Amino acid sequence: MSGDRGRVSVFLAIALTGVLILIGMVADGGARLRAMQRADNIAAEAARAAGQGIDGGTAIPGGEKRLDPELAVQAAQTYLAEAGVPGTATVNEERTQVVVEVQVTRPTAMLGLIGIDTIQVTGRATAVLITDQTQPNQ
C-alpha cells in the first residue's frame, strides 16, 4: 500500500489542468461570440452611417441618387473612430452600396494560461442605397 502514495495527487493534478482548460475554452468561447456580435453590430452601424453620404450635387436637383464615395467613407471612418474599432469602408463602382469591415480584439480570460492572450474577430456589413421613386396607391 505504501507504493500507491501520491498516485491520486498526480491524477488530480492532470485532471484539474484539463478541467481548467475546458473552463477556459467555455468562458473564452462565449467572449468570442460576444466579440463577433459586437464586430457585426459596429460594422452595420458604420455602414448605415456611410449610407447617409449621398451625392447632393445630383440628388437635390432631382438627378440620380448615388453615394458620394468620399462622404460615405468619411462617415464610416468617423463612426469607427468613435467606437474605437479599426476597419475599412469601400463604395462599389455603381456608388449604390458600401461595405464596412471591422476587426475587434479581446483579451482572453483563461486561455492565456496556454499562450492564447487575445481573440480577434472580423465583422462585415453592407448597406445598399435604395432609390425607389414609386408612390404608394392612394
N, C-alpha and C. Protein backbone atom coordinates (compact mmCIF):
# COMPACT_ATOMS: atom_id res chain seq x y z
N MET A 1 0.81 -1.18 0.00
CA MET A 1 0.00 0.00 0.00
C MET A 1 0.86 1.26 0.00
N SER A 2 2.00 1.23 0.58
CA SER A 2 2.81 2.44 0.63
C SER A 2 3.32 2.81 -0.75
N GLY A 3 3.32 1.89 -1.74
CA GLY A 3 3.75 2.19 -3.10
C GLY A 3 2.71 3.00 -3.87
N ASP A 4 1.48 3.07 -3.35
CA ASP A 4 0.41 3.80 -4.03
C ASP A 4 0.34 5.27 -3.63
N ARG A 5 1.13 5.64 -2.69
CA ARG A 5 1.07 7.03 -2.20
C ARG A 5 1.46 8.01 -3.32
N GLY A 6 0.67 9.07 -3.46
CA GLY A 6 0.98 10.11 -4.44
C GLY A 6 0.32 9.90 -5.79
N ARG A 7 -0.21 8.73 -6.07
CA ARG A 7 -0.83 8.49 -7.37
C ARG A 7 -2.10 9.31 -7.54
N VAL A 8 -2.87 9.48 -6.52
CA VAL A 8 -4.10 10.27 -6.59
C VAL A 8 -3.73 11.73 -6.83
N SER A 9 -2.67 12.19 -6.22
CA SER A 9 -2.25 13.58 -6.40
C SER A 9 -1.85 13.86 -7.85
N VAL A 10 -1.13 12.95 -8.50
CA VAL A 10 -0.74 13.12 -9.89
C VAL A 10 -1.98 13.11 -10.78
N PHE A 11 -2.88 12.16 -10.55
CA PHE A 11 -4.11 12.10 -11.32
C PHE A 11 -4.93 13.38 -11.14
N LEU A 12 -5.05 13.84 -9.93
CA LEU A 12 -5.81 15.05 -9.64
C LEU A 12 -5.19 16.27 -10.32
N ALA A 13 -3.89 16.36 -10.32
CA ALA A 13 -3.21 17.48 -10.97
C ALA A 13 -3.46 17.48 -12.48
N ILE A 14 -3.39 16.31 -13.09
CA ILE A 14 -3.64 16.20 -14.54
C ILE A 14 -5.11 16.50 -14.85
N ALA A 15 -6.01 15.94 -14.09
CA ALA A 15 -7.43 16.16 -14.31
C ALA A 15 -7.81 17.62 -14.09
N LEU A 16 -7.25 18.23 -13.07
CA LEU A 16 -7.54 19.63 -12.78
C LEU A 16 -7.06 20.54 -13.91
N THR A 17 -5.91 20.22 -14.47
CA THR A 17 -5.40 21.00 -15.61
C THR A 17 -6.38 20.91 -16.78
N GLY A 18 -6.86 19.72 -17.07
CA GLY A 18 -7.84 19.54 -18.15
C GLY A 18 -9.13 20.28 -17.88
N VAL A 19 -9.59 20.25 -16.66
CA VAL A 19 -10.83 20.95 -16.30
C VAL A 19 -10.63 22.46 -16.44
N LEU A 20 -9.50 22.99 -16.02
CA LEU A 20 -9.23 24.42 -16.16
C LEU A 20 -9.18 24.84 -17.63
N ILE A 21 -8.58 24.03 -18.47
CA ILE A 21 -8.54 24.33 -19.91
C ILE A 21 -9.96 24.30 -20.48
N LEU A 22 -10.76 23.34 -20.08
CA LEU A 22 -12.14 23.25 -20.55
C LEU A 22 -12.95 24.47 -20.10
N ILE A 23 -12.80 24.87 -18.86
CA ILE A 23 -13.49 26.06 -18.36
C ILE A 23 -13.04 27.29 -19.14
N GLY A 24 -11.75 27.38 -19.42
CA GLY A 24 -11.23 28.50 -20.20
C GLY A 24 -11.80 28.53 -21.60
N MET A 25 -11.93 27.37 -22.21
CA MET A 25 -12.49 27.31 -23.57
C MET A 25 -13.96 27.74 -23.57
N VAL A 26 -14.71 27.35 -22.57
CA VAL A 26 -16.12 27.74 -22.49
C VAL A 26 -16.23 29.24 -22.23
N ALA A 27 -15.49 29.75 -21.26
CA ALA A 27 -15.56 31.18 -20.94
C ALA A 27 -15.08 32.03 -22.10
N ASP A 28 -13.95 31.69 -22.69
CA ASP A 28 -13.42 32.48 -23.77
C ASP A 28 -14.17 32.24 -25.08
N GLY A 29 -14.81 31.09 -25.23
CA GLY A 29 -15.67 30.86 -26.38
C GLY A 29 -16.88 31.79 -26.34
N GLY A 30 -17.44 31.98 -25.17
CA GLY A 30 -18.55 32.92 -25.01
C GLY A 30 -18.09 34.35 -25.29
N ALA A 31 -16.89 34.68 -24.85
CA ALA A 31 -16.35 36.01 -25.12
C ALA A 31 -16.14 36.21 -26.62
N ARG A 32 -15.73 35.14 -27.31
CA ARG A 32 -15.54 35.24 -28.76
C ARG A 32 -16.87 35.48 -29.45
N LEU A 33 -17.91 34.81 -29.03
CA LEU A 33 -19.24 35.03 -29.61
C LEU A 33 -19.71 36.46 -29.39
N ARG A 34 -19.49 36.99 -28.18
CA ARG A 34 -19.86 38.38 -27.91
C ARG A 34 -19.05 39.34 -28.75
N ALA A 35 -17.77 39.05 -28.96
CA ALA A 35 -16.91 39.90 -29.79
C ALA A 35 -17.38 39.86 -31.24
N MET A 36 -17.78 38.70 -31.72
CA MET A 36 -18.29 38.59 -33.10
C MET A 36 -19.57 39.40 -33.26
N GLN A 37 -20.44 39.32 -32.28
CA GLN A 37 -21.68 40.08 -32.34
C GLN A 37 -21.39 41.58 -32.31
N ARG A 38 -20.46 42.00 -31.47
CA ARG A 38 -20.08 43.41 -31.40
C ARG A 38 -19.48 43.87 -32.72
N ALA A 39 -18.62 43.07 -33.31
CA ALA A 39 -17.99 43.44 -34.58
C ALA A 39 -19.05 43.60 -35.67
N ASP A 40 -19.99 42.67 -35.75
CA ASP A 40 -21.05 42.76 -36.75
C ASP A 40 -21.93 43.99 -36.51
N ASN A 41 -22.25 44.27 -35.25
CA ASN A 41 -23.09 45.43 -34.93
C ASN A 41 -22.39 46.74 -35.29
N ILE A 42 -21.12 46.84 -34.96
CA ILE A 42 -20.37 48.06 -35.28
C ILE A 42 -20.26 48.23 -36.78
N ALA A 43 -19.99 47.15 -37.50
CA ALA A 43 -19.90 47.23 -38.97
C ALA A 43 -21.23 47.67 -39.56
N ALA A 44 -22.33 47.14 -39.04
CA ALA A 44 -23.65 47.50 -39.55
C ALA A 44 -23.95 48.98 -39.30
N GLU A 45 -23.64 49.46 -38.11
CA GLU A 45 -23.89 50.87 -37.80
C GLU A 45 -23.00 51.80 -38.63
N ALA A 46 -21.77 51.41 -38.85
CA ALA A 46 -20.88 52.23 -39.68
C ALA A 46 -21.37 52.23 -41.12
N ALA A 47 -21.88 51.11 -41.60
CA ALA A 47 -22.41 51.05 -42.97
C ALA A 47 -23.65 51.93 -43.09
N ARG A 48 -24.49 51.92 -42.05
CA ARG A 48 -25.67 52.79 -42.07
C ARG A 48 -25.26 54.26 -42.10
N ALA A 49 -24.26 54.60 -41.29
CA ALA A 49 -23.77 55.99 -41.29
C ALA A 49 -23.22 56.35 -42.67
N ALA A 50 -22.50 55.44 -43.28
CA ALA A 50 -21.93 55.70 -44.61
C ALA A 50 -23.03 55.84 -45.65
N GLY A 51 -24.12 55.12 -45.48
CA GLY A 51 -25.23 55.18 -46.41
C GLY A 51 -25.88 56.55 -46.47
N GLN A 52 -25.60 57.40 -45.50
CA GLN A 52 -26.14 58.76 -45.50
C GLN A 52 -25.31 59.71 -46.36
N GLY A 53 -24.18 59.24 -46.85
CA GLY A 53 -23.28 60.08 -47.65
C GLY A 53 -23.71 60.15 -49.10
N ILE A 54 -24.89 60.69 -49.34
CA ILE A 54 -25.43 60.78 -50.70
C ILE A 54 -24.84 62.00 -51.40
N ASP A 55 -24.59 61.84 -52.68
CA ASP A 55 -24.07 62.93 -53.51
C ASP A 55 -25.18 63.96 -53.70
N GLY A 56 -25.13 65.03 -52.95
CA GLY A 56 -26.16 66.06 -53.01
C GLY A 56 -26.17 66.84 -54.31
N GLY A 57 -25.04 66.92 -54.98
CA GLY A 57 -24.96 67.67 -56.22
C GLY A 57 -25.87 67.13 -57.31
N THR A 58 -26.11 65.84 -57.30
CA THR A 58 -27.01 65.25 -58.30
C THR A 58 -28.37 64.91 -57.70
N ALA A 59 -28.42 64.58 -56.45
CA ALA A 59 -29.68 64.14 -55.83
C ALA A 59 -30.64 65.31 -55.58
N ILE A 60 -30.15 66.45 -55.11
CA ILE A 60 -31.03 67.57 -54.75
C ILE A 60 -31.79 68.12 -55.96
N PRO A 61 -31.14 68.32 -57.11
CA PRO A 61 -31.90 68.83 -58.25
C PRO A 61 -32.78 67.77 -58.92
N GLY A 62 -32.88 66.60 -58.36
CA GLY A 62 -33.75 65.57 -58.92
C GLY A 62 -33.04 64.55 -59.79
N GLY A 63 -31.74 64.59 -59.78
CA GLY A 63 -30.97 63.64 -60.58
C GLY A 63 -30.84 62.29 -59.90
N GLU A 64 -29.92 61.53 -60.40
CA GLU A 64 -29.68 60.18 -59.90
C GLU A 64 -29.18 60.21 -58.46
N LYS A 65 -29.73 59.32 -57.65
CA LYS A 65 -29.32 59.23 -56.25
C LYS A 65 -28.19 58.22 -56.15
N ARG A 66 -27.02 58.70 -55.81
CA ARG A 66 -25.83 57.86 -55.66
C ARG A 66 -25.05 58.32 -54.45
N LEU A 67 -24.20 57.43 -53.95
CA LEU A 67 -23.34 57.77 -52.82
C LEU A 67 -22.16 58.61 -53.30
N ASP A 68 -21.77 59.53 -52.47
CA ASP A 68 -20.52 60.25 -52.68
C ASP A 68 -19.47 59.42 -51.96
N PRO A 69 -18.55 58.78 -52.69
CA PRO A 69 -17.60 57.87 -52.04
C PRO A 69 -16.81 58.51 -50.90
N GLU A 70 -16.39 59.75 -51.08
CA GLU A 70 -15.62 60.41 -50.02
C GLU A 70 -16.46 60.63 -48.77
N LEU A 71 -17.68 61.15 -48.95
CA LEU A 71 -18.57 61.37 -47.80
C LEU A 71 -18.92 60.06 -47.10
N ALA A 72 -19.22 59.04 -47.88
CA ALA A 72 -19.62 57.75 -47.30
C ALA A 72 -18.48 57.13 -46.49
N VAL A 73 -17.29 57.11 -47.07
CA VAL A 73 -16.14 56.52 -46.36
C VAL A 73 -15.81 57.35 -45.12
N GLN A 74 -15.88 58.67 -45.25
CA GLN A 74 -15.59 59.54 -44.10
C GLN A 74 -16.60 59.30 -42.97
N ALA A 75 -17.88 59.15 -43.31
CA ALA A 75 -18.90 58.89 -42.29
C ALA A 75 -18.65 57.57 -41.59
N ALA A 76 -18.29 56.55 -42.36
CA ALA A 76 -17.99 55.24 -41.76
C ALA A 76 -16.76 55.32 -40.87
N GLN A 77 -15.71 55.98 -41.34
CA GLN A 77 -14.48 56.09 -40.55
C GLN A 77 -14.71 56.89 -39.27
N THR A 78 -15.55 57.92 -39.35
CA THR A 78 -15.87 58.70 -38.15
C THR A 78 -16.58 57.83 -37.13
N TYR A 79 -17.54 57.03 -37.59
CA TYR A 79 -18.25 56.14 -36.68
C TYR A 79 -17.29 55.13 -36.06
N LEU A 80 -16.42 54.54 -36.87
CA LEU A 80 -15.48 53.55 -36.37
C LEU A 80 -14.51 54.17 -35.37
N ALA A 81 -14.06 55.40 -35.63
CA ALA A 81 -13.15 56.08 -34.69
C ALA A 81 -13.85 56.32 -33.36
N GLU A 82 -15.11 56.74 -33.40
CA GLU A 82 -15.85 56.96 -32.15
C GLU A 82 -16.07 55.65 -31.40
N ALA A 83 -16.23 54.55 -32.13
CA ALA A 83 -16.40 53.24 -31.49
C ALA A 83 -15.08 52.66 -31.03
N GLY A 84 -13.96 53.24 -31.49
CA GLY A 84 -12.64 52.74 -31.10
C GLY A 84 -12.27 51.43 -31.76
N VAL A 85 -12.75 51.23 -32.98
CA VAL A 85 -12.52 49.96 -33.68
C VAL A 85 -11.91 50.24 -35.05
N PRO A 86 -10.82 49.55 -35.41
CA PRO A 86 -10.26 49.75 -36.75
C PRO A 86 -11.10 49.04 -37.81
N GLY A 87 -11.11 49.63 -39.00
CA GLY A 87 -11.86 48.99 -40.06
C GLY A 87 -11.72 49.75 -41.36
N THR A 88 -12.36 49.21 -42.40
CA THR A 88 -12.33 49.82 -43.72
C THR A 88 -13.74 49.94 -44.25
N ALA A 89 -13.92 50.92 -45.14
CA ALA A 89 -15.20 51.10 -45.82
C ALA A 89 -14.90 51.31 -47.29
N THR A 90 -15.66 50.64 -48.14
CA THR A 90 -15.49 50.80 -49.58
C THR A 90 -16.86 50.95 -50.24
N VAL A 91 -16.90 51.82 -51.24
CA VAL A 91 -18.11 52.06 -52.02
C VAL A 91 -17.91 51.38 -53.37
N ASN A 92 -18.96 50.68 -53.86
CA ASN A 92 -18.82 49.98 -55.14
C ASN A 92 -18.79 50.98 -56.30
N GLU A 93 -18.45 50.51 -57.49
CA GLU A 93 -18.31 51.37 -58.67
C GLU A 93 -19.60 52.07 -59.04
N GLU A 94 -20.73 51.40 -58.86
CA GLU A 94 -22.02 51.99 -59.19
C GLU A 94 -22.45 53.04 -58.16
N ARG A 95 -21.72 53.09 -57.06
CA ARG A 95 -21.98 54.03 -55.95
C ARG A 95 -23.36 53.81 -55.34
N THR A 96 -23.75 52.53 -55.24
CA THR A 96 -25.06 52.19 -54.68
C THR A 96 -24.96 51.39 -53.38
N GLN A 97 -23.76 50.98 -53.01
CA GLN A 97 -23.61 50.24 -51.75
C GLN A 97 -22.24 50.49 -51.15
N VAL A 98 -22.21 50.33 -49.84
CA VAL A 98 -20.96 50.48 -49.11
C VAL A 98 -20.77 49.24 -48.25
N VAL A 99 -19.54 48.74 -48.23
CA VAL A 99 -19.19 47.57 -47.43
C VAL A 99 -18.21 48.01 -46.35
N VAL A 100 -18.52 47.66 -45.11
CA VAL A 100 -17.66 48.00 -43.98
C VAL A 100 -17.17 46.72 -43.34
N GLU A 101 -15.87 46.66 -43.09
CA GLU A 101 -15.26 45.51 -42.43
C GLU A 101 -14.47 46.01 -41.23
N VAL A 102 -14.68 45.40 -40.07
CA VAL A 102 -14.00 45.82 -38.84
C VAL A 102 -13.32 44.64 -38.18
N GLN A 103 -12.34 44.95 -37.34
CA GLN A 103 -11.64 43.94 -36.55
C GLN A 103 -11.77 44.31 -35.07
N VAL A 104 -12.22 43.36 -34.29
CA VAL A 104 -12.35 43.54 -32.85
C VAL A 104 -11.42 42.55 -32.17
N THR A 105 -10.62 43.05 -31.25
CA THR A 105 -9.68 42.21 -30.49
C THR A 105 -10.07 42.26 -29.02
N ARG A 106 -10.15 41.11 -28.42
CA ARG A 106 -10.49 40.99 -26.99
C ARG A 106 -9.43 40.16 -26.28
N PRO A 107 -9.11 40.54 -25.04
CA PRO A 107 -8.20 39.68 -24.26
C PRO A 107 -8.94 38.44 -23.78
N THR A 108 -8.21 37.37 -23.61
CA THR A 108 -8.82 36.13 -23.11
C THR A 108 -8.78 36.13 -21.59
N ALA A 109 -9.70 35.37 -21.01
CA ALA A 109 -9.76 35.27 -19.55
C ALA A 109 -8.91 34.11 -19.04
N MET A 110 -9.07 32.96 -19.65
CA MET A 110 -8.41 31.76 -19.13
C MET A 110 -7.39 31.18 -20.11
N LEU A 111 -7.60 31.37 -21.40
CA LEU A 111 -6.73 30.73 -22.38
C LEU A 111 -5.32 31.32 -22.40
N GLY A 112 -5.13 32.41 -21.70
CA GLY A 112 -3.78 32.95 -21.55
C GLY A 112 -2.86 31.97 -20.85
N LEU A 113 -3.44 31.05 -20.10
CA LEU A 113 -2.65 30.02 -19.41
C LEU A 113 -1.94 29.09 -20.38
N ILE A 114 -2.50 28.96 -21.58
CA ILE A 114 -1.87 28.09 -22.58
C ILE A 114 -1.30 28.90 -23.75
N GLY A 115 -1.14 30.22 -23.54
CA GLY A 115 -0.47 31.05 -24.54
C GLY A 115 -1.36 31.79 -25.50
N ILE A 116 -2.67 31.69 -25.35
CA ILE A 116 -3.59 32.44 -26.22
C ILE A 116 -4.06 33.65 -25.43
N ASP A 117 -3.47 34.81 -25.73
CA ASP A 117 -3.74 36.01 -24.94
C ASP A 117 -4.88 36.87 -25.47
N THR A 118 -5.14 36.80 -26.78
CA THR A 118 -6.20 37.62 -27.37
C THR A 118 -7.02 36.81 -28.37
N ILE A 119 -8.22 37.30 -28.59
CA ILE A 119 -9.11 36.75 -29.61
C ILE A 119 -9.39 37.89 -30.58
N GLN A 120 -9.20 37.66 -31.88
CA GLN A 120 -9.51 38.68 -32.88
C GLN A 120 -10.58 38.14 -33.82
N VAL A 121 -11.61 38.95 -34.01
CA VAL A 121 -12.71 38.57 -34.90
C VAL A 121 -12.95 39.69 -35.91
N THR A 122 -13.59 39.34 -37.00
CA THR A 122 -13.89 40.30 -38.06
C THR A 122 -15.40 40.39 -38.24
N GLY A 123 -15.89 41.61 -38.38
CA GLY A 123 -17.30 41.84 -38.67
C GLY A 123 -17.42 42.52 -40.01
N ARG A 124 -18.49 42.21 -40.72
CA ARG A 124 -18.68 42.78 -42.06
C ARG A 124 -20.16 43.09 -42.26
N ALA A 125 -20.43 44.25 -42.88
CA ALA A 125 -21.81 44.63 -43.16
C ALA A 125 -21.85 45.43 -44.46
N THR A 126 -22.98 45.34 -45.14
CA THR A 126 -23.20 46.06 -46.38
C THR A 126 -24.47 46.87 -46.27
N ALA A 127 -24.40 48.14 -46.67
CA ALA A 127 -25.58 48.98 -46.76
C ALA A 127 -25.82 49.28 -48.23
N VAL A 128 -27.06 49.08 -48.67
CA VAL A 128 -27.42 49.28 -50.07
C VAL A 128 -28.34 50.49 -50.16
N LEU A 129 -28.01 51.40 -51.06
CA LEU A 129 -28.81 52.59 -51.30
C LEU A 129 -30.05 52.20 -52.10
N ILE A 130 -31.23 52.45 -51.53
CA ILE A 130 -32.49 52.13 -52.19
C ILE A 130 -33.09 53.44 -52.68
N THR A 131 -33.36 53.52 -53.96
CA THR A 131 -33.84 54.77 -54.54
C THR A 131 -35.17 54.58 -55.25
N ASP A 132 -36.05 53.78 -54.70
CA ASP A 132 -37.34 53.53 -55.31
C ASP A 132 -38.17 54.82 -55.30
N GLN A 133 -38.57 55.27 -56.46
CA GLN A 133 -39.30 56.53 -56.58
C GLN A 133 -40.81 56.35 -56.67
N THR A 134 -41.28 55.10 -56.60
CA THR A 134 -42.73 54.88 -56.76
C THR A 134 -43.47 55.34 -55.52
N GLN A 135 -44.68 55.82 -55.74
CA GLN A 135 -45.54 56.28 -54.67
C GLN A 135 -46.57 55.20 -54.36
N PRO A 136 -46.95 55.03 -53.11
CA PRO A 136 -47.98 54.03 -52.80
C PRO A 136 -49.33 54.50 -53.36
N ASN A 137 -50.21 53.53 -53.65
CA ASN A 137 -51.55 53.86 -54.15
C ASN A 137 -52.31 54.63 -53.10
N GLN A 138 -53.01 55.66 -53.55
CA GLN A 138 -53.76 56.46 -52.60
C GLN A 138 -55.23 56.37 -52.85
